[in-house]
Amino acid sequence: MKLALDQGPFDALTPESALTRLAERARTAAEAGARLLVCPEMSITGYNIAGDIPELAEPADGPIAQRVSSIAAEAGIAITYGYPERNGEDVHNTAALVSATGERLASYRKTHLFGKLDRKWFQPGQLPPPQVEVDGVRVGLLICYDVEFPEMVRAHALAGTELLVVPTALMRPHDFVAETLVRARAYENQLHVAYVNRCGTEAELHYCGKTCLIGPDGTEQIRAADGEELLIGEVDPAAIPAARLDNPQLADRRPELYPGLAQALRA
């Protein structure tokens, strides 16, 4: 499966201008043959927007969701995007995935909240991350800080995730997460990881970019610099069994010694 990774925007956008940009990106990605477009964390509203988060938060079926579904259907491409989701009095940092026909396939609320910004404005998700089929590839979702917890990625691997999609808002000086840790997660679990970051500056945060697609053998397949960029890459599910023959870590585990860490995602 061919997929597109949208690093950006470099400049802060309103939700309306972000949706206009998304429509353009979706058309470009679809014309390049991509079947899935992955956007960064909180891609529709911006991430470091403080008091605007409660005001811009919407329910899962709100106007933002409806617009993105229309964009996906018009371009004929599945889209993963991020936004602040309102659920009663709670607001969640959420990533949603819609199909190429605009159907909502999955929604995931960030479970590991990073720093004062996340903890002030969001409630953590309480459900395990979902998996869905996109063009015959089993796709799983995490958000940013979640990927830094090895148990989360291992649970995906045990449950059969082939492509782990990680919208993120990684800021400096934490570049090593994009450069080193994400490659380690892909290698130790033998799955593809699409890590899609923001770039530019929001208030005091300076995003480092470095969006990447890592193969199941830990190979860096594509990598962005620190500016706005649309990357096109390939995910081959057949590379996973080949990587697991070369690196048998999953088969060599001793789950009886660590039963609490050996569980797959609940169905």
Protein backbone atom coordinates (compact mmCIF):
# COMPACT_ATOMS: atom_id res chain seq x y z
CA MET A 1 0.00 0.00 0.00
CA LYS A 2 1.20 3.47 -0.86
CA LEU A 3 0.70 6.10 1.83
CA ALA A 4 1.33 9.83 2.23
CA LEU A 5 2.78 11.51 5.31
CA ASP A 6 1.89 15.18 5.72
CA GLN A 7 4.48 17.06 7.76
CA GLY A 8 3.15 20.48 8.59
CA PRO A 9 1.82 23.05 8.63
CA PHE A 10 4.82 25.30 9.13
CA ASP A 11 2.62 28.29 10.01
CA ALA A 12 -0.30 28.24 12.45
CA LEU A 13 -3.70 27.77 10.81
CA THR A 14 -7.32 28.17 11.81
CA PRO A 15 -9.51 25.06 11.57
CA GLU A 16 -11.04 26.41 8.37
CA SER A 17 -7.68 27.03 6.69
CA ALA A 18 -6.39 23.68 7.99
CA LEU A 19 -9.33 21.91 6.34
CA THR A 20 -8.69 23.78 3.08
CA ARG A 21 -5.05 22.70 3.25
CA LEU A 22 -6.10 19.13 4.02
CA ALA A 23 -8.30 19.02 0.92
CA GLU A 24 -5.34 20.11 -1.23
CA ARG A 25 -3.02 17.60 0.43
CA ALA A 26 -5.57 14.82 -0.02
CA ARG A 27 -5.90 15.53 -3.74
CA THR A 28 -2.13 15.64 -4.20
CA ALA A 29 -1.62 12.42 -2.26
CA ALA A 30 -4.37 10.61 -4.15
CA GLU A 31 -2.94 11.75 -7.49
CA ALA A 32 0.39 10.23 -6.39
CA GLY A 33 -1.36 6.90 -5.85
CA ALA A 34 -1.52 6.99 -2.05
CA ARG A 35 -4.38 5.14 -0.39
CA LEU A 36 -3.88 6.64 3.09
CA LEU A 37 -2.93 10.18 4.13
CA VAL A 38 -1.57 10.57 7.67
CA CYS A 39 -1.60 13.99 9.34
CA PRO A 40 0.07 15.13 12.60
CA GLU A 41 -1.35 15.30 16.10
CA MET A 42 -4.16 17.87 16.44
CA SER A 43 -3.75 18.64 12.76
CA ILE A 44 -7.05 20.47 12.32
CA THR A 45 -6.81 22.95 15.20
CA GLY A 46 -3.14 23.11 16.17
CA TYR A 47 -1.65 21.53 19.27
CA ASN A 48 -0.22 24.29 21.47
CA ILE A 49 -3.31 26.50 21.43
CA ALA A 50 -4.03 26.54 25.19
CA GLY A 51 -7.40 28.08 26.03
CA ASP A 52 -8.68 27.68 22.47
CA ILE A 53 -8.83 23.89 22.97
CA PRO A 54 -12.14 23.80 24.89
CA GLU A 55 -13.68 26.30 22.48
CA LEU A 56 -12.65 24.33 19.37
CA ALA A 57 -13.39 20.87 20.77
CA GLU A 58 -16.15 19.01 18.94
CA PRO A 59 -17.94 15.68 19.33
CA ALA A 60 -16.76 12.74 17.26
CA ASP A 61 -19.52 13.36 14.70
CA GLY A 62 -19.21 17.15 14.68
CA PRO A 63 -18.56 19.57 11.79
CA ILE A 64 -14.83 18.77 11.61
CA ALA A 65 -15.55 15.05 11.24
CA GLN A 66 -18.15 15.73 8.57
CA ARG A 67 -15.80 17.97 6.59
CA VAL A 68 -12.93 15.48 6.73
CA SER A 69 -15.23 12.66 5.61
CA SER A 70 -16.29 14.78 2.62
CA ILE A 71 -12.66 15.58 1.77
CA ALA A 72 -11.71 11.88 1.93
CA ALA A 73 -14.64 10.84 -0.27
CA GLU A 74 -14.01 13.60 -2.82
CA ALA A 75 -10.30 12.76 -3.12
CA GLY A 76 -10.81 8.99 -2.83
CA ILE A 77 -8.23 8.50 -0.07
CA ALA A 78 -8.38 7.37 3.57
CA ILE A 79 -7.28 10.05 6.05
CA THR A 80 -5.95 10.00 9.61
CA TYR A 81 -6.30 13.38 11.31
CA GLY A 82 -6.18 14.86 14.81
CA TYR A 83 -8.51 17.18 16.70
CA PRO A 84 -9.79 17.96 20.23
CA GLU A 85 -12.78 15.70 20.86
CA ARG A 86 -15.50 16.79 23.26
CA ASN A 87 -17.23 14.02 25.19
CA GLY A 88 -19.60 15.62 27.67
CA GLU A 89 -17.49 17.74 30.00
CA ASP A 90 -14.28 15.96 28.97
CA VAL A 91 -11.96 16.89 26.09
CA HIS A 92 -9.65 14.29 24.55
CA ASN A 93 -6.65 14.53 22.23
CA THR A 94 -8.04 12.30 19.48
CA ALA A 95 -6.92 10.80 16.19
CA ALA A 96 -9.57 9.57 13.78
CA LEU A 97 -9.30 7.50 10.62
CA VAL A 98 -11.86 7.75 7.83
CA SER A 99 -12.04 5.56 4.73
CA ALA A 100 -11.68 6.61 1.11
CA THR A 101 -15.48 6.74 0.95
CA GLY A 102 -15.73 8.95 4.04
CA GLU A 103 -16.76 6.25 6.50
CA ARG A 104 -15.40 6.61 10.03
CA LEU A 105 -13.25 3.53 10.61
CA ALA A 106 -11.55 4.22 13.93
CA SER A 107 -11.09 6.79 16.67
CA TYR A 108 -8.39 6.82 19.35
CA ARG A 109 -8.01 9.03 22.42
CA LYS A 110 -4.41 9.62 23.51
CA THR A 111 -3.82 7.57 26.64
CA HIS A 112 -0.42 8.84 27.79
CA LEU A 113 -0.54 12.59 28.33
CA PHE A 114 2.73 14.48 27.97
CA GLY A 115 3.65 17.46 30.11
CA LYS A 116 1.63 20.33 31.49
CA LEU A 117 -0.08 21.18 28.20
CA ASP A 118 -1.66 17.75 27.69
CA ARG A 119 -2.55 17.30 31.35
CA LYS A 120 -4.15 20.72 31.69
CA TRP A 121 -6.48 20.50 28.71
CA PHE A 122 -7.13 16.79 28.04
CA GLN A 123 -8.48 13.75 29.79
CA PRO A 124 -6.59 10.51 29.00
CA GLY A 125 -8.28 7.85 26.91
CA GLN A 126 -9.25 4.67 28.73
CA LEU A 127 -9.61 2.21 25.83
CA PRO A 128 -6.93 0.23 24.02
CA PRO A 129 -5.97 1.56 20.58
CA PRO A 130 -8.00 0.29 17.62
CA GLN A 131 -6.99 -1.64 14.53
CA VAL A 132 -8.70 -1.43 11.12
CA GLU A 133 -8.14 -2.68 7.59
CA VAL A 134 -7.07 -0.13 4.96
CA ASP A 135 -6.44 -1.56 1.50
CA GLY A 136 -5.70 -4.98 2.98
CA VAL A 137 -3.21 -3.63 5.54
CA ARG A 138 -3.98 -3.91 9.26
CA VAL A 139 -3.51 -0.38 10.60
CA GLY A 140 -3.20 0.55 14.28
CA LEU A 141 -3.23 3.97 15.95
CA LEU A 142 -1.22 5.64 18.69
CA ILE A 143 -0.57 9.34 19.35
CA CYS A 144 2.85 10.91 19.98
CA TYR A 145 4.00 10.11 23.56
CA ASP A 146 2.16 6.76 23.43
CA VAL A 147 4.85 5.29 21.16
CA GLU A 148 7.49 5.93 23.83
CA PHE A 149 5.91 3.21 25.98
CA PRO A 150 7.18 -0.13 24.66
CA GLU A 151 4.15 -2.01 25.99
CA MET A 152 1.83 -0.09 23.67
CA VAL A 153 3.72 -0.99 20.52
CA ARG A 154 4.29 -4.58 21.63
CA ALA A 155 0.53 -4.98 22.21
CA HIS A 156 -0.04 -3.84 18.62
CA ALA A 157 2.51 -6.30 17.30
CA LEU A 158 0.96 -9.20 19.23
CA ALA A 159 -2.48 -8.26 17.94
CA GLY A 160 -1.36 -8.29 14.31
CA THR A 161 -0.88 -4.61 13.48
CA GLU A 162 1.14 -4.30 10.25
CA LEU A 163 1.29 -0.51 9.99
CA LEU A 164 1.38 1.56 13.17
CA VAL A 165 0.29 5.15 12.50
CA VAL A 166 1.54 7.72 15.02
CA PRO A 167 0.41 11.34 14.56
CA THR A 168 2.69 13.46 16.73
CA ALA A 169 3.71 16.96 17.84
CA LEU A 170 7.32 16.34 18.81
CA MET A 171 9.21 19.43 19.83
CA ARG A 172 12.88 20.19 20.33
CA PRO A 173 15.02 19.11 22.17
CA HIS A 174 13.42 15.65 21.90
CA ASP A 175 14.59 14.94 18.34
CA PHE A 176 16.06 11.59 19.44
CA VAL A 177 12.52 10.17 19.66
CA ALA A 178 12.01 10.61 15.91
CA GLU A 179 15.60 9.73 15.04
CA THR A 180 16.26 6.73 17.28
CA LEU A 181 13.36 5.55 19.43
CA VAL A 182 10.85 5.14 16.60
CA ARG A 183 13.32 3.01 14.64
CA ALA A 184 13.85 0.85 17.72
CA ARG A 185 10.09 0.35 18.14
CA ALA A 186 9.73 -0.79 14.54
CA TYR A 187 12.74 -3.12 14.79
CA GLU A 188 11.87 -4.76 18.11
CA ASN A 189 8.28 -5.41 16.99
CA GLN A 190 8.88 -6.03 13.28
CA LEU A 191 6.14 -3.76 11.98
CA HIS A 192 5.97 -0.61 9.87
CA VAL A 193 5.77 2.68 11.78
CA ALA A 194 4.56 5.92 10.19
CA TYR A 195 5.56 8.73 12.57
CA VAL A 196 4.11 12.03 11.33
CA ASN A 197 5.16 15.25 13.03
CA ARG A 198 4.35 18.93 12.92
CA CYS A 199 6.96 21.55 11.97
CA GLY A 200 7.55 25.23 12.54
CA THR A 201 6.64 27.04 15.76
CA GLU A 202 3.54 27.33 17.95
CA ALA A 203 3.97 29.83 20.78
CA GLU A 204 7.04 28.61 22.71
CA LEU A 205 7.15 25.16 21.07
CA HIS A 206 9.56 24.49 18.21
CA TYR A 207 8.61 21.31 16.37
CA CYS A 208 11.49 19.30 14.97
CA GLY A 209 9.80 17.70 11.95
CA LYS A 210 11.70 14.52 10.98
CA THR A 211 8.55 12.67 9.94
CA CYS A 212 9.47 9.15 8.88
CA LEU A 213 8.32 5.75 7.68
CA ILE A 214 10.32 2.93 9.26
CA GLY A 215 10.27 -0.63 7.95
CA PRO A 216 9.84 -3.77 10.09
CA ASP A 217 13.59 -4.37 9.98
CA GLY A 218 14.27 -0.90 11.42
CA THR A 219 15.22 0.54 8.04
CA GLU A 220 14.45 4.21 7.50
CA GLN A 221 12.43 4.19 4.28
CA ILE A 222 11.61 7.88 4.02
CA ARG A 223 12.51 10.85 6.23
CA ALA A 224 11.59 14.54 6.15
CA ALA A 225 13.80 17.42 7.21
CA ASP A 226 12.36 20.18 9.44
CA GLY A 227 10.12 21.99 6.96
CA GLU A 228 6.68 21.45 5.47
CA GLU A 229 6.69 18.34 3.31
CA LEU A 230 4.41 15.66 1.82
CA LEU A 231 6.20 12.29 1.74
CA ILE A 232 5.05 9.28 -0.26
CA GLY A 233 6.08 5.79 0.84
CA GLU A 234 5.21 2.12 0.44
CA VAL A 235 4.09 -0.41 3.05
CA ASP A 236 4.57 -4.06 2.11
CA PRO A 237 2.94 -6.51 4.57
CA ALA A 238 5.12 -9.28 3.12
CA ALA A 239 8.16 -7.56 4.62
CA ILE A 240 6.92 -8.39 8.12
CA PRO A 241 7.32 -12.20 8.05
CA ALA A 242 10.68 -11.74 6.34
CA ALA A 243 11.81 -9.38 9.12
CA ARG A 244 10.59 -11.83 11.77
CA LEU A 245 12.65 -14.63 10.24
CA ASP A 246 15.74 -12.46 10.48
CA ASN A 247 14.88 -11.07 13.92
CA PRO A 248 12.96 -13.69 15.96
CA GLN A 249 12.43 -11.55 19.08
CA LEU A 250 8.65 -12.03 19.12
CA ALA A 251 8.94 -15.81 18.77
CA ASP A 252 11.71 -15.98 21.38
CA ARG A 253 9.79 -14.16 24.12
CA ARG A 254 9.22 -15.92 27.47
CA PRO A 255 5.71 -14.58 28.30
CA GLU A 256 5.35 -16.94 31.25
CA LEU A 257 8.01 -14.85 33.01
CA TYR A 258 6.20 -11.54 32.49
CA PRO A 259 2.50 -12.33 32.04
CA GLY A 260 1.32 -8.80 32.79
CA LEU A 261 3.36 -7.44 29.88
CA ALA A 262 2.52 -10.17 27.40
CA GLN A 263 -1.05 -9.32 26.49
CA ALA A 264 -2.28 -8.38 23.05
CA LEU A 265 -4.90 -5.66 22.57
CA ARG A 266 -8.34 -6.66 23.76
CA ALA A 267 -10.80 -7.37 20.97
